[in-house]
Amino acid sequence: MMNNLKNKVQLIGNLGNNPEIINLDSGKKIAKFSVATNESYKNAKGEKVEDTQWHNLVAWGKTAEIIENYLKKGQEIAVEGRLTHRSYDDKDGNKRYVSEIVVNELLMLGGKN
């Protein structure tokens, strides 16, 4: 039972931009996009504080095709996936680190656009 919880991320949020779609030579697609999640809480002074966190997401294959056809900036979605970390060297030779969520399941919320 606990094996299912080893690396699982679930988010509900809004797309921060239109998805970037990459077409691979193999014919498969990759969708890259960001999702904002919002929380609010009261600080020590009793004032309401809004906190927005941005999450980078990537989807492959059929899921990427669905994202390409149906998702737009601002739309609310629920996703389930796994957290990954990778690094690369930028054009100036600096090492850059990326954390992103690889989407396994997607649910469109908030009705039709």
N, C-alpha and C. Protein backbone atom coordinates (compact mmCIF):
# COMPACT_ATOMS: atom_id res chain seq x y z
N MET A 1 0.82 -1.20 0.00
CA MET A 1 0.00 0.00 0.00
C MET A 1 0.86 1.27 0.00
N MET A 2 1.90 1.30 0.81
CA MET A 2 2.73 2.50 0.90
C MET A 2 3.57 2.74 -0.35
N ASN A 3 3.75 1.72 -1.19
CA ASN A 3 4.52 1.90 -2.43
C ASN A 3 3.91 2.98 -3.30
N ASN A 4 2.58 3.15 -3.25
CA ASN A 4 1.91 4.16 -4.06
C ASN A 4 2.21 5.58 -3.60
N LEU A 5 2.78 5.73 -2.41
CA LEU A 5 3.01 7.07 -1.85
C LEU A 5 4.47 7.51 -1.95
N LYS A 6 5.32 6.75 -2.58
CA LYS A 6 6.74 7.07 -2.58
C LYS A 6 7.08 8.40 -3.24
N ASN A 7 6.49 8.70 -4.37
CA ASN A 7 6.76 9.97 -5.05
C ASN A 7 5.49 10.37 -5.78
N LYS A 8 4.56 10.95 -5.05
CA LYS A 8 3.27 11.34 -5.62
C LYS A 8 3.00 12.80 -5.26
N VAL A 9 2.63 13.58 -6.29
CA VAL A 9 2.27 14.99 -6.11
C VAL A 9 0.87 15.17 -6.65
N GLN A 10 0.02 15.85 -5.88
CA GLN A 10 -1.32 16.20 -6.34
C GLN A 10 -1.49 17.70 -6.15
N LEU A 11 -1.94 18.36 -7.22
CA LEU A 11 -2.14 19.82 -7.18
C LEU A 11 -3.46 20.18 -7.83
N ILE A 12 -4.07 21.23 -7.31
CA ILE A 12 -5.18 21.90 -7.98
C ILE A 12 -4.76 23.36 -8.09
N GLY A 13 -4.76 23.87 -9.31
CA GLY A 13 -4.35 25.25 -9.52
C GLY A 13 -4.75 25.73 -10.90
N ASN A 14 -4.24 26.91 -11.24
CA ASN A 14 -4.58 27.55 -12.51
C ASN A 14 -3.34 27.66 -13.39
N LEU A 15 -3.53 27.42 -14.69
CA LEU A 15 -2.42 27.55 -15.63
C LEU A 15 -1.94 28.99 -15.67
N GLY A 16 -0.63 29.16 -15.57
CA GLY A 16 -0.04 30.50 -15.59
C GLY A 16 0.22 31.00 -16.99
N ASN A 17 0.18 30.10 -17.97
CA ASN A 17 0.43 30.48 -19.35
C ASN A 17 -0.17 29.41 -20.26
N ASN A 18 -0.22 29.69 -21.55
CA ASN A 18 -0.63 28.65 -22.49
C ASN A 18 0.49 27.62 -22.55
N PRO A 19 0.16 26.34 -22.61
CA PRO A 19 1.19 25.31 -22.64
C PRO A 19 2.12 25.45 -23.84
N GLU A 20 3.40 25.16 -23.61
CA GLU A 20 4.39 25.09 -24.69
C GLU A 20 4.39 23.65 -25.19
N ILE A 21 4.15 23.45 -26.47
CA ILE A 21 4.10 22.11 -27.05
C ILE A 21 5.35 21.89 -27.89
N ILE A 22 6.03 20.78 -27.63
CA ILE A 22 7.23 20.41 -28.38
C ILE A 22 6.92 19.12 -29.13
N ASN A 23 7.14 19.13 -30.44
CA ASN A 23 6.94 17.95 -31.28
C ASN A 23 8.28 17.27 -31.50
N LEU A 24 8.41 16.04 -31.02
CA LEU A 24 9.65 15.29 -31.18
C LEU A 24 9.70 14.63 -32.56
N ASP A 25 10.90 14.31 -33.01
CA ASP A 25 11.09 13.65 -34.31
C ASP A 25 10.32 12.33 -34.37
N SER A 26 10.15 11.69 -33.22
CA SER A 26 9.45 10.40 -33.16
C SER A 26 7.95 10.54 -33.37
N GLY A 27 7.45 11.79 -33.39
CA GLY A 27 6.02 12.02 -33.53
C GLY A 27 5.32 12.25 -32.20
N LYS A 28 6.01 11.96 -31.09
CA LYS A 28 5.43 12.20 -29.77
C LYS A 28 5.49 13.68 -29.43
N LYS A 29 4.64 14.07 -28.49
CA LYS A 29 4.58 15.46 -28.04
C LYS A 29 4.97 15.56 -26.58
N ILE A 30 5.50 16.73 -26.23
CA ILE A 30 5.77 17.09 -24.84
C ILE A 30 5.04 18.40 -24.60
N ALA A 31 4.34 18.50 -23.47
CA ALA A 31 3.71 19.76 -23.07
C ALA A 31 4.40 20.26 -21.82
N LYS A 32 4.82 21.52 -21.84
CA LYS A 32 5.43 22.16 -20.67
C LYS A 32 4.54 23.34 -20.29
N PHE A 33 4.25 23.46 -18.98
CA PHE A 33 3.40 24.55 -18.53
C PHE A 33 3.59 24.77 -17.04
N SER A 34 3.08 25.88 -16.53
CA SER A 34 3.17 26.17 -15.10
C SER A 34 1.77 26.28 -14.52
N VAL A 35 1.68 25.91 -13.25
CA VAL A 35 0.42 25.98 -12.52
C VAL A 35 0.67 26.76 -11.23
N ALA A 36 -0.24 27.66 -10.91
CA ALA A 36 -0.18 28.43 -9.67
C ALA A 36 -1.16 27.84 -8.66
N THR A 37 -0.67 27.65 -7.44
CA THR A 37 -1.56 27.27 -6.34
C THR A 37 -1.58 28.43 -5.36
N ASN A 38 -2.75 28.66 -4.77
CA ASN A 38 -2.92 29.78 -3.86
C ASN A 38 -3.36 29.29 -2.49
N GLU A 39 -2.77 29.88 -1.46
CA GLU A 39 -3.18 29.63 -0.08
C GLU A 39 -3.33 30.97 0.61
N SER A 40 -4.20 31.01 1.58
CA SER A 40 -4.29 32.23 2.39
C SER A 40 -4.25 31.83 3.86
N TYR A 41 -3.66 32.70 4.65
CA TYR A 41 -3.56 32.47 6.09
C TYR A 41 -3.48 33.82 6.79
N LYS A 42 -3.61 33.80 8.10
CA LYS A 42 -3.49 35.03 8.89
C LYS A 42 -2.12 35.05 9.55
N ASN A 43 -1.45 36.20 9.42
CA ASN A 43 -0.12 36.33 10.02
C ASN A 43 -0.26 36.66 11.51
N ALA A 44 0.86 36.91 12.17
CA ALA A 44 0.87 37.17 13.62
C ALA A 44 0.04 38.40 13.99
N LYS A 45 -0.12 39.33 13.07
CA LYS A 45 -0.92 40.55 13.32
C LYS A 45 -2.39 40.34 13.02
N GLY A 46 -2.75 39.13 12.57
CA GLY A 46 -4.14 38.85 12.24
C GLY A 46 -4.54 39.29 10.84
N GLU A 47 -3.56 39.69 10.04
CA GLU A 47 -3.84 40.14 8.68
C GLU A 47 -3.87 38.94 7.74
N LYS A 48 -4.78 38.98 6.78
CA LYS A 48 -4.87 37.91 5.78
C LYS A 48 -3.72 38.05 4.79
N VAL A 49 -3.00 36.95 4.56
CA VAL A 49 -1.88 36.92 3.63
C VAL A 49 -2.18 35.89 2.55
N GLU A 50 -2.02 36.32 1.29
CA GLU A 50 -2.19 35.41 0.16
C GLU A 50 -0.81 34.93 -0.29
N ASP A 51 -0.65 33.64 -0.47
CA ASP A 51 0.62 33.07 -0.90
C ASP A 51 0.39 32.26 -2.18
N THR A 52 1.09 32.64 -3.25
CA THR A 52 1.01 31.93 -4.52
C THR A 52 2.31 31.19 -4.76
N GLN A 53 2.21 29.91 -5.06
CA GLN A 53 3.38 29.10 -5.41
C GLN A 53 3.24 28.68 -6.87
N TRP A 54 4.36 28.73 -7.60
CA TRP A 54 4.36 28.33 -9.01
C TRP A 54 5.05 26.98 -9.15
N HIS A 55 4.47 26.11 -9.97
CA HIS A 55 4.97 24.76 -10.16
C HIS A 55 5.16 24.52 -11.66
N ASN A 56 6.32 23.99 -12.04
CA ASN A 56 6.59 23.64 -13.44
C ASN A 56 6.15 22.21 -13.67
N LEU A 57 5.39 22.00 -14.76
CA LEU A 57 4.87 20.68 -15.08
C LEU A 57 5.26 20.30 -16.50
N VAL A 58 5.37 18.99 -16.72
CA VAL A 58 5.66 18.46 -18.05
C VAL A 58 4.79 17.22 -18.24
N ALA A 59 4.27 17.05 -19.45
CA ALA A 59 3.46 15.88 -19.79
C ALA A 59 3.91 15.36 -21.14
N TRP A 60 3.74 14.05 -21.33
CA TRP A 60 4.21 13.38 -22.53
C TRP A 60 3.05 12.70 -23.24
N GLY A 61 3.23 12.40 -24.52
CA GLY A 61 2.34 11.54 -25.28
C GLY A 61 0.90 12.02 -25.35
N LYS A 62 -0.03 11.09 -25.09
CA LYS A 62 -1.47 11.39 -25.18
C LYS A 62 -1.87 12.51 -24.23
N THR A 63 -1.29 12.53 -23.04
CA THR A 63 -1.62 13.60 -22.08
C THR A 63 -1.20 14.95 -22.65
N ALA A 64 -0.05 15.01 -23.30
CA ALA A 64 0.40 16.26 -23.93
C ALA A 64 -0.54 16.68 -25.05
N GLU A 65 -1.08 15.71 -25.80
CA GLU A 65 -2.03 16.03 -26.87
C GLU A 65 -3.32 16.63 -26.30
N ILE A 66 -3.80 16.06 -25.21
CA ILE A 66 -5.00 16.60 -24.55
C ILE A 66 -4.74 18.02 -24.07
N ILE A 67 -3.57 18.23 -23.47
CA ILE A 67 -3.21 19.56 -22.98
C ILE A 67 -3.16 20.55 -24.14
N GLU A 68 -2.55 20.14 -25.26
CA GLU A 68 -2.44 21.02 -26.43
C GLU A 68 -3.83 21.44 -26.93
N ASN A 69 -4.76 20.50 -26.94
CA ASN A 69 -6.07 20.77 -27.52
C ASN A 69 -7.06 21.46 -26.59
N TYR A 70 -6.89 21.33 -25.29
CA TYR A 70 -7.94 21.78 -24.38
C TYR A 70 -7.53 22.79 -23.31
N LEU A 71 -6.26 22.93 -23.01
CA LEU A 71 -5.88 23.79 -21.89
C LEU A 71 -5.37 25.15 -22.36
N LYS A 72 -5.80 26.19 -21.63
CA LYS A 72 -5.40 27.56 -21.91
C LYS A 72 -5.04 28.26 -20.61
N LYS A 73 -4.31 29.35 -20.73
CA LYS A 73 -3.91 30.17 -19.59
C LYS A 73 -5.13 30.49 -18.72
N GLY A 74 -4.96 30.37 -17.40
CA GLY A 74 -6.00 30.72 -16.45
C GLY A 74 -6.93 29.57 -16.07
N GLN A 75 -6.94 28.50 -16.87
CA GLN A 75 -7.85 27.39 -16.61
C GLN A 75 -7.45 26.64 -15.34
N GLU A 76 -8.47 26.23 -14.57
CA GLU A 76 -8.22 25.46 -13.35
C GLU A 76 -8.14 23.97 -13.69
N ILE A 77 -7.10 23.32 -13.16
CA ILE A 77 -6.91 21.89 -13.39
C ILE A 77 -6.49 21.21 -12.09
N ALA A 78 -6.69 19.90 -12.06
CA ALA A 78 -6.15 19.05 -11.01
C ALA A 78 -5.19 18.09 -11.70
N VAL A 79 -4.01 17.90 -11.12
CA VAL A 79 -3.03 16.99 -11.69
C VAL A 79 -2.49 16.06 -10.62
N GLU A 80 -2.07 14.89 -11.08
CA GLU A 80 -1.34 13.97 -10.23
C GLU A 80 -0.12 13.54 -11.00
N GLY A 81 1.01 13.50 -10.32
CA GLY A 81 2.24 13.11 -10.99
C GLY A 81 3.33 12.82 -10.00
N ARG A 82 4.57 12.92 -10.50
CA ARG A 82 5.72 12.67 -9.63
C ARG A 82 6.72 13.80 -9.78
N LEU A 83 7.43 14.09 -8.71
CA LEU A 83 8.41 15.17 -8.69
C LEU A 83 9.74 14.66 -9.23
N THR A 84 10.33 15.43 -10.15
CA THR A 84 11.64 15.08 -10.70
C THR A 84 12.57 16.28 -10.59
N HIS A 85 13.86 16.00 -10.58
CA HIS A 85 14.89 17.03 -10.53
C HIS A 85 15.92 16.72 -11.60
N ARG A 86 16.39 17.75 -12.30
CA ARG A 86 17.42 17.57 -13.31
C ARG A 86 18.27 18.82 -13.39
N SER A 87 19.40 18.73 -14.05
CA SER A 87 20.27 19.89 -14.23
C SER A 87 20.75 19.94 -15.67
N TYR A 88 21.16 21.12 -16.08
CA TYR A 88 21.71 21.31 -17.41
C TYR A 88 22.65 22.51 -17.37
N ASP A 89 23.49 22.64 -18.39
CA ASP A 89 24.38 23.80 -18.51
C ASP A 89 23.75 24.79 -19.47
N ASP A 90 23.61 26.05 -19.03
CA ASP A 90 23.02 27.07 -19.90
C ASP A 90 24.04 27.52 -20.94
N LYS A 91 23.64 28.47 -21.80
CA LYS A 91 24.49 28.89 -22.91
C LYS A 91 25.80 29.53 -22.45
N ASP A 92 25.82 30.02 -21.19
CA ASP A 92 27.03 30.62 -20.63
C ASP A 92 27.87 29.62 -19.85
N GLY A 93 27.44 28.34 -19.85
CA GLY A 93 28.21 27.32 -19.15
C GLY A 93 27.87 27.18 -17.67
N ASN A 94 26.83 27.90 -17.21
CA ASN A 94 26.42 27.82 -15.80
C ASN A 94 25.48 26.63 -15.60
N LYS A 95 25.68 25.91 -14.51
CA LYS A 95 24.82 24.78 -14.19
C LYS A 95 23.49 25.32 -13.66
N ARG A 96 22.40 24.85 -14.25
CA ARG A 96 21.04 25.24 -13.84
C ARG A 96 20.31 24.00 -13.34
N TYR A 97 19.49 24.19 -12.32
CA TYR A 97 18.73 23.09 -11.74
C TYR A 97 17.24 23.32 -11.94
N VAL A 98 16.54 22.25 -12.28
CA VAL A 98 15.11 22.33 -12.54
C VAL A 98 14.40 21.26 -11.73
N SER A 99 13.32 21.66 -11.05
CA SER A 99 12.41 20.71 -10.42
C SER A 99 11.09 20.84 -11.17
N GLU A 100 10.51 19.71 -11.54
CA GLU A 100 9.24 19.76 -12.25
C GLU A 100 8.42 18.53 -11.91
N ILE A 101 7.13 18.65 -12.18
CA ILE A 101 6.21 17.55 -11.93
C ILE A 101 5.88 16.90 -13.26
N VAL A 102 6.11 15.60 -13.36
CA VAL A 102 5.74 14.83 -14.54
C VAL A 102 4.31 14.36 -14.34
N VAL A 103 3.42 14.83 -15.20
CA VAL A 103 1.98 14.58 -15.04
C VAL A 103 1.63 13.16 -15.47
N ASN A 104 0.93 12.45 -14.57
CA ASN A 104 0.40 11.12 -14.90
C ASN A 104 -1.09 11.20 -15.21
N GLU A 105 -1.81 12.02 -14.44
CA GLU A 105 -3.25 12.17 -14.63
C GLU A 105 -3.61 13.64 -14.57
N LEU A 106 -4.66 13.99 -15.31
CA LEU A 106 -5.09 15.38 -15.43
C LEU A 106 -6.61 15.44 -15.42
N LEU A 107 -7.14 16.41 -14.72
CA LEU A 107 -8.58 16.63 -14.69
C LEU A 107 -8.83 18.12 -14.90
N MET A 108 -9.66 18.45 -15.89
CA MET A 108 -10.00 19.85 -16.15
C MET A 108 -11.16 20.24 -15.22
N LEU A 109 -11.01 21.35 -14.54
CA LEU A 109 -12.02 21.83 -13.60
C LEU A 109 -12.60 23.15 -14.08
N GLY A 110 -13.65 23.61 -13.45
CA GLY A 110 -14.18 24.94 -13.69
C GLY A 110 -15.03 25.09 -14.93
N GLY A 111 -15.49 24.02 -15.54
CA GLY A 111 -16.39 24.13 -16.69
C GLY A 111 -15.65 24.42 -17.97
N LYS A 112 -16.44 24.65 -19.03
CA LYS A 112 -15.86 24.88 -20.37
C LYS A 112 -15.42 26.32 -20.51
N ASN A 113 -14.33 26.51 -21.29
CA ASN A 113 -13.86 27.86 -21.63
C ASN A 113 -14.56 28.34 -22.87
